[in-house]
Amino acid sequence: MTPILPYVRRLALADQRARRKSVLRELEALGLCYQVLRTETGAGLADNIAVPLGQGTPHLLLGAHYDAVPGSTGANDNGSGVAVLLDLIRSLSDRPLRFPLRIVFFDLEEQELTGSRAYVRHMAPGEICAMINLDTCGAGDTISIAPRVNLERGLLHRIVPLTPQDGARPPQPMEQLPPGDETSFVEAGIPAITVGVAPWEDVALIQAWMDAPSDQRLVPVPSVAETIHNGCRDAIDVVQESALQMVRHWLLQLIDQYSSWGKTR
């Protein structure tokens, strides 16, 4: 089992250009073809980085934003999600894929989802069958998935694993999580979910926090909130190898189920 945490250590940089260069260096070290999709936006240049795996369309898209809140090293938010995808690319690079898959590292998520919105504007109709967004995957023991409604029908209902891994807690479908890049795809009519990790004791708190009106949030703040958006614990020492490996294993299960679904289409 190859450790994933070293990727996070190399990505956890407060300088946004340095973060981008770090992602590109990792891809170049893997010897993979990639595209930098540069778009001029009102928030500045958005440099999304796309890695195609397999041929054809529609493809399944796995994404994670590589930018961070200004001033933050963004270790958990979202160096963790990027690191899991980089390691997934490594593990899939010598594995022939029967069905199309694309991995995209999004820019400017922390600026109103600017990078993913730019990506959606320029994609062709019917290009993507579903989108899985990884965000804050490094701190906790429970995979959380939202929105639940997108797990109840269609492709995501067929391919998203909800059974517990060996010795682990089962993934927790939730009504909603804080909005991330999946929102850009949902708004475009594409089935999409966001996937993160939290301590088990935070799961109910997160749901209660999301359900409460913003001016009536009397429930305790989930501890995992301190590891996102430049929180006081969004640093490399909070990211856990066990959490990263849990998400990687979950993704491999999802890809296997996606491949099996494709054979029966």
Protein backbone atom coordinates (compact mmCIF):
# COMPACT_ATOMS: atom_id res chain seq x y z
CA MET A 1 0.00 0.00 0.00
CA THR A 2 1.63 3.20 -1.19
CA PRO A 3 1.31 6.08 1.31
CA ILE A 4 -0.75 9.06 0.15
CA LEU A 5 0.27 11.55 2.83
CA PRO A 6 3.52 12.54 1.03
CA TYR A 7 1.38 14.01 -1.77
CA VAL A 8 -0.41 16.20 0.78
CA ARG A 9 2.93 17.35 2.23
CA ARG A 10 4.04 18.52 -1.21
CA LEU A 11 0.69 20.19 -1.95
CA ALA A 12 0.14 21.98 1.37
CA LEU A 13 1.39 25.38 0.23
CA ALA A 14 -0.12 28.79 0.83
CA ASP A 15 1.13 30.10 -2.53
CA GLN A 16 -1.56 29.30 -5.12
CA ARG A 17 0.84 29.20 -8.08
CA ALA A 18 3.08 26.84 -6.17
CA ARG A 19 0.10 24.56 -5.50
CA ARG A 20 -0.66 24.43 -9.22
CA LYS A 21 2.95 23.72 -10.08
CA SER A 22 3.01 20.95 -7.48
CA VAL A 23 0.02 19.22 -9.10
CA LEU A 24 1.65 19.50 -12.52
CA ARG A 25 4.95 18.11 -11.22
CA GLU A 26 3.16 15.10 -9.75
CA LEU A 27 1.43 14.39 -13.06
CA GLU A 28 4.66 14.78 -15.00
CA ALA A 29 6.40 12.39 -12.61
CA LEU A 30 3.70 9.83 -13.41
CA GLY A 31 4.38 10.30 -17.12
CA LEU A 32 0.74 11.03 -17.96
CA CYS A 33 -0.79 13.27 -20.57
CA TYR A 34 -2.82 16.13 -19.15
CA GLN A 35 -4.40 19.38 -20.31
CA VAL A 36 -4.37 22.75 -18.61
CA LEU A 37 -7.71 24.32 -19.50
CA ARG A 38 -7.23 28.05 -19.01
CA THR A 39 -10.30 30.29 -18.88
CA GLU A 40 -10.51 34.02 -18.33
CA THR A 41 -13.13 34.71 -15.66
CA GLY A 42 -14.30 37.64 -13.59
CA ALA A 43 -12.25 36.23 -10.71
CA GLY A 44 -9.10 35.95 -12.84
CA LEU A 45 -7.57 33.09 -14.80
CA ALA A 46 -8.92 29.65 -13.90
CA ASP A 47 -6.47 26.85 -14.71
CA ASN A 48 -8.32 23.55 -14.51
CA ILE A 49 -6.11 20.49 -15.02
CA ALA A 50 -7.70 17.52 -16.81
CA VAL A 51 -6.34 13.97 -17.04
CA PRO A 52 -8.16 11.65 -19.48
CA LEU A 53 -8.09 7.93 -18.69
CA GLY A 54 -9.76 5.67 -21.21
CA GLN A 55 -11.39 6.69 -24.46
CA GLY A 56 -14.83 7.86 -25.48
CA THR A 57 -17.87 9.62 -24.05
CA PRO A 58 -19.85 10.01 -21.96
CA HIS A 59 -17.26 9.70 -19.25
CA LEU A 60 -17.34 9.56 -15.47
CA LEU A 61 -15.60 12.60 -13.99
CA LEU A 62 -13.74 12.57 -10.68
CA GLY A 63 -12.75 16.00 -9.41
CA ALA A 64 -11.10 17.88 -6.56
CA HIS A 65 -10.20 21.55 -6.21
CA TYR A 66 -6.52 22.31 -5.73
CA ASP A 67 -6.81 25.96 -4.66
CA ALA A 68 -7.04 27.03 -1.02
CA VAL A 69 -8.42 29.96 0.93
CA PRO A 70 -5.86 32.80 0.76
CA GLY A 71 -3.35 32.49 3.58
CA SER A 72 -4.09 28.81 4.20
CA THR A 73 -1.89 25.84 3.30
CA GLY A 74 -5.14 23.99 2.57
CA ALA A 75 -3.86 20.61 3.73
CA ASN A 76 -7.27 19.07 4.35
CA ASP A 77 -9.19 21.61 2.25
CA ASN A 78 -8.34 20.39 -0.26
CA GLY A 79 -4.86 18.95 -0.52
CA SER A 80 -6.37 15.73 0.81
CA GLY A 81 -8.83 15.31 -2.07
CA VAL A 82 -6.18 16.14 -4.66
CA ALA A 83 -3.73 13.69 -3.08
CA VAL A 84 -6.24 10.83 -3.20
CA LEU A 85 -6.87 11.46 -6.89
CA LEU A 86 -3.15 11.66 -7.66
CA ASP A 87 -2.62 8.30 -6.00
CA LEU A 88 -5.64 6.88 -7.79
CA ILE A 89 -4.14 7.99 -11.11
CA ARG A 90 -0.90 6.25 -10.16
CA SER A 91 -2.71 3.03 -9.36
CA LEU A 92 -4.77 3.14 -12.56
CA SER A 93 -1.94 4.13 -14.89
CA ASP A 94 -0.99 0.52 -15.64
CA ARG A 95 -4.56 -0.79 -15.51
CA PRO A 96 -6.42 -0.79 -18.83
CA LEU A 97 -9.79 0.89 -18.45
CA ARG A 98 -12.66 -0.45 -20.51
CA PHE A 99 -14.73 2.68 -20.01
CA PRO A 100 -13.94 6.40 -20.15
CA LEU A 101 -12.86 8.21 -17.02
CA ARG A 102 -11.59 11.74 -16.56
CA ILE A 103 -9.96 13.29 -13.52
CA VAL A 104 -10.03 17.08 -13.17
CA PHE A 105 -8.26 19.27 -10.62
CA PHE A 106 -10.32 22.45 -10.37
CA ASP A 107 -9.01 25.94 -9.76
CA LEU A 108 -10.77 28.78 -7.89
CA GLU A 109 -13.31 26.65 -6.01
CA GLU A 110 -12.86 28.94 -3.04
CA GLN A 111 -13.95 31.86 -5.23
CA GLU A 112 -17.59 30.89 -5.82
CA LEU A 113 -16.81 27.66 -7.70
CA THR A 114 -15.35 29.71 -10.54
CA GLY A 115 -13.14 26.96 -11.99
CA SER A 116 -15.79 24.24 -12.16
CA ARG A 117 -18.39 26.67 -13.49
CA ALA A 118 -15.97 27.58 -16.29
CA TYR A 119 -15.40 23.88 -17.01
CA VAL A 120 -19.13 23.20 -17.23
CA ARG A 121 -19.70 26.13 -19.59
CA HIS A 122 -17.22 24.72 -22.09
CA MET A 123 -18.10 21.03 -22.01
CA ALA A 124 -20.03 19.43 -24.85
CA PRO A 125 -23.63 18.24 -24.34
CA GLY A 126 -23.69 14.62 -23.19
CA GLU A 127 -19.97 14.61 -22.45
CA ILE A 128 -20.27 13.57 -18.78
CA CYS A 129 -22.49 10.83 -17.35
CA ALA A 130 -21.84 11.65 -13.67
CA MET A 131 -19.44 13.60 -11.45
CA ILE A 132 -17.83 12.64 -8.11
CA ASN A 133 -16.28 15.52 -6.16
CA LEU A 134 -13.70 14.90 -3.42
CA ASP A 135 -13.38 17.62 -0.78
CA THR A 136 -11.81 17.48 2.69
CA CYS A 137 -10.96 13.78 2.76
CA GLY A 138 -8.18 13.73 5.34
CA ALA A 139 -9.58 13.95 8.86
CA GLY A 140 -11.93 11.37 10.37
CA ASP A 141 -13.14 7.81 10.10
CA THR A 142 -16.43 8.11 8.20
CA ILE A 143 -17.07 8.82 4.52
CA SER A 144 -19.95 11.25 4.03
CA ILE A 145 -21.76 11.59 0.70
CA ALA A 146 -24.30 14.19 -0.43
CA PRO A 147 -26.80 15.04 -1.70
CA ARG A 148 -28.71 11.89 -0.84
CA VAL A 149 -31.27 12.49 -3.61
CA ASN A 150 -28.60 11.88 -6.27
CA LEU A 151 -27.85 8.46 -4.78
CA GLU A 152 -31.42 7.28 -5.09
CA ARG A 153 -31.66 6.95 -8.86
CA GLY A 154 -29.73 6.58 -12.09
CA LEU A 155 -26.06 5.80 -12.54
CA LEU A 156 -24.90 6.97 -9.11
CA HIS A 157 -27.45 4.69 -7.45
CA ARG A 158 -25.85 1.76 -9.31
CA ILE A 159 -22.17 2.49 -8.79
CA VAL A 160 -21.69 4.35 -5.46
CA PRO A 161 -20.56 1.89 -2.72
CA LEU A 162 -22.52 2.20 0.51
CA THR A 163 -21.43 -1.01 2.25
CA PRO A 164 -18.76 -0.74 4.96
CA GLN A 165 -15.16 -1.57 4.16
CA ASP A 166 -13.41 -4.14 6.34
CA GLY A 167 -13.49 -2.86 9.91
CA ALA A 168 -14.69 0.58 8.85
CA ARG A 169 -17.91 2.46 9.43
CA PRO A 170 -20.36 2.46 6.52
CA PRO A 171 -20.40 5.50 4.24
CA GLN A 172 -23.08 7.95 5.34
CA PRO A 173 -25.45 9.42 2.73
CA MET A 174 -26.52 12.89 3.87
CA GLU A 175 -29.18 15.28 2.69
CA GLN A 176 -26.59 17.95 2.04
CA LEU A 177 -23.04 19.05 2.76
CA PRO A 178 -21.48 22.49 2.28
CA PRO A 179 -21.66 23.15 -1.48
CA GLY A 180 -18.57 22.42 -3.55
CA ASP A 181 -17.69 21.87 -7.20
CA GLU A 182 -20.39 19.22 -7.59
CA THR A 183 -22.89 22.10 -7.48
CA SER A 184 -21.71 23.37 -10.88
CA PHE A 185 -22.57 20.01 -12.45
CA VAL A 186 -25.88 19.57 -10.63
CA GLU A 187 -26.95 22.98 -11.92
CA ALA A 188 -26.13 21.76 -15.44
CA GLY A 189 -28.36 18.69 -15.00
CA ILE A 190 -25.51 16.21 -14.47
CA PRO A 191 -25.81 13.69 -11.59
CA ALA A 192 -23.13 14.69 -9.07
CA ILE A 193 -22.17 14.13 -5.45
CA THR A 194 -19.53 15.39 -3.07
CA VAL A 195 -17.54 12.99 -0.91
CA GLY A 196 -15.67 13.90 2.27
CA VAL A 197 -14.49 12.44 5.55
CA ALA A 198 -15.46 13.39 9.09
CA PRO A 199 -15.22 11.87 12.54
CA TRP A 200 -18.21 9.62 13.25
CA GLU A 201 -19.39 11.87 16.08
CA ASP A 202 -19.51 14.84 13.68
CA VAL A 203 -21.85 13.27 11.11
CA ALA A 204 -25.10 14.07 12.92
CA LEU A 205 -23.78 17.51 13.90
CA ILE A 206 -22.96 18.33 10.28
CA GLN A 207 -26.47 17.42 9.17
CA ALA A 208 -28.06 19.42 11.99
CA TRP A 209 -25.81 22.38 11.16
CA MET A 210 -26.76 22.24 7.47
CA ASP A 211 -30.48 21.88 8.26
CA ALA A 212 -30.61 24.85 10.65
CA PRO A 213 -31.33 28.35 9.27
CA SER A 214 -28.09 30.33 9.16
CA ASP A 215 -29.34 32.78 11.81
CA GLN A 216 -30.50 29.99 14.16
CA ARG A 217 -27.51 27.67 14.30
CA LEU A 218 -27.51 26.79 17.97
CA VAL A 219 -26.08 23.28 17.53
CA PRO A 220 -22.38 22.79 18.35
CA VAL A 221 -20.00 23.42 15.46
CA PRO A 222 -18.64 20.08 14.15
CA SER A 223 -14.97 19.67 15.02
CA VAL A 224 -14.11 18.91 11.39
CA ALA A 225 -15.10 22.51 10.55
CA GLU A 226 -11.79 23.59 12.08
CA THR A 227 -9.97 21.75 9.26
CA ILE A 228 -11.57 23.62 6.35
CA HIS A 229 -11.61 27.15 4.94
CA ASN A 230 -8.43 28.20 6.74
CA GLY A 231 -9.69 26.85 10.04
CA CYS A 232 -7.28 26.65 12.94
CA ARG A 233 -6.52 22.97 12.21
CA ASP A 234 -6.32 23.02 8.38
CA ALA A 235 -2.68 21.94 8.50
CA ILE A 236 -0.65 18.93 7.53
CA ASP A 237 -0.54 17.48 11.03
CA VAL A 238 -4.33 16.91 11.05
CA VAL A 239 -4.40 14.83 7.85
CA GLN A 240 -4.55 11.09 8.50
CA GLU A 241 -3.16 8.42 6.21
CA SER A 242 -5.99 6.10 7.28
CA ALA A 243 -8.63 8.55 6.03
CA LEU A 244 -6.88 9.02 2.68
CA GLN A 245 -6.56 5.26 2.17
CA MET A 246 -10.21 4.76 3.08
CA VAL A 247 -11.33 7.16 0.34
CA ARG A 248 -8.91 5.65 -2.19
CA HIS A 249 -10.28 2.16 -1.52
CA TRP A 250 -13.83 3.47 -1.80
CA LEU A 251 -13.02 5.03 -5.17
CA LEU A 252 -11.54 1.79 -6.47
CA GLN A 253 -14.75 0.02 -5.48
CA LEU A 254 -16.75 2.68 -7.31
CA ILE A 255 -14.64 2.33 -10.45
CA ASP A 256 -15.06 -1.45 -10.40
CA GLN A 257 -18.83 -1.05 -10.09
CA TYR A 258 -18.80 1.55 -12.88
CA SER A 259 -16.92 -0.89 -15.12
CA SER A 260 -19.34 -3.71 -14.29
CA TRP A 261 -22.29 -1.42 -15.04
CA GLY A 262 -20.72 -0.49 -18.37
CA LYS A 263 -20.49 -4.13 -19.44
CA THR A 264 -24.23 -4.58 -19.01
CA ARG A 265 -25.35 -1.42 -20.81
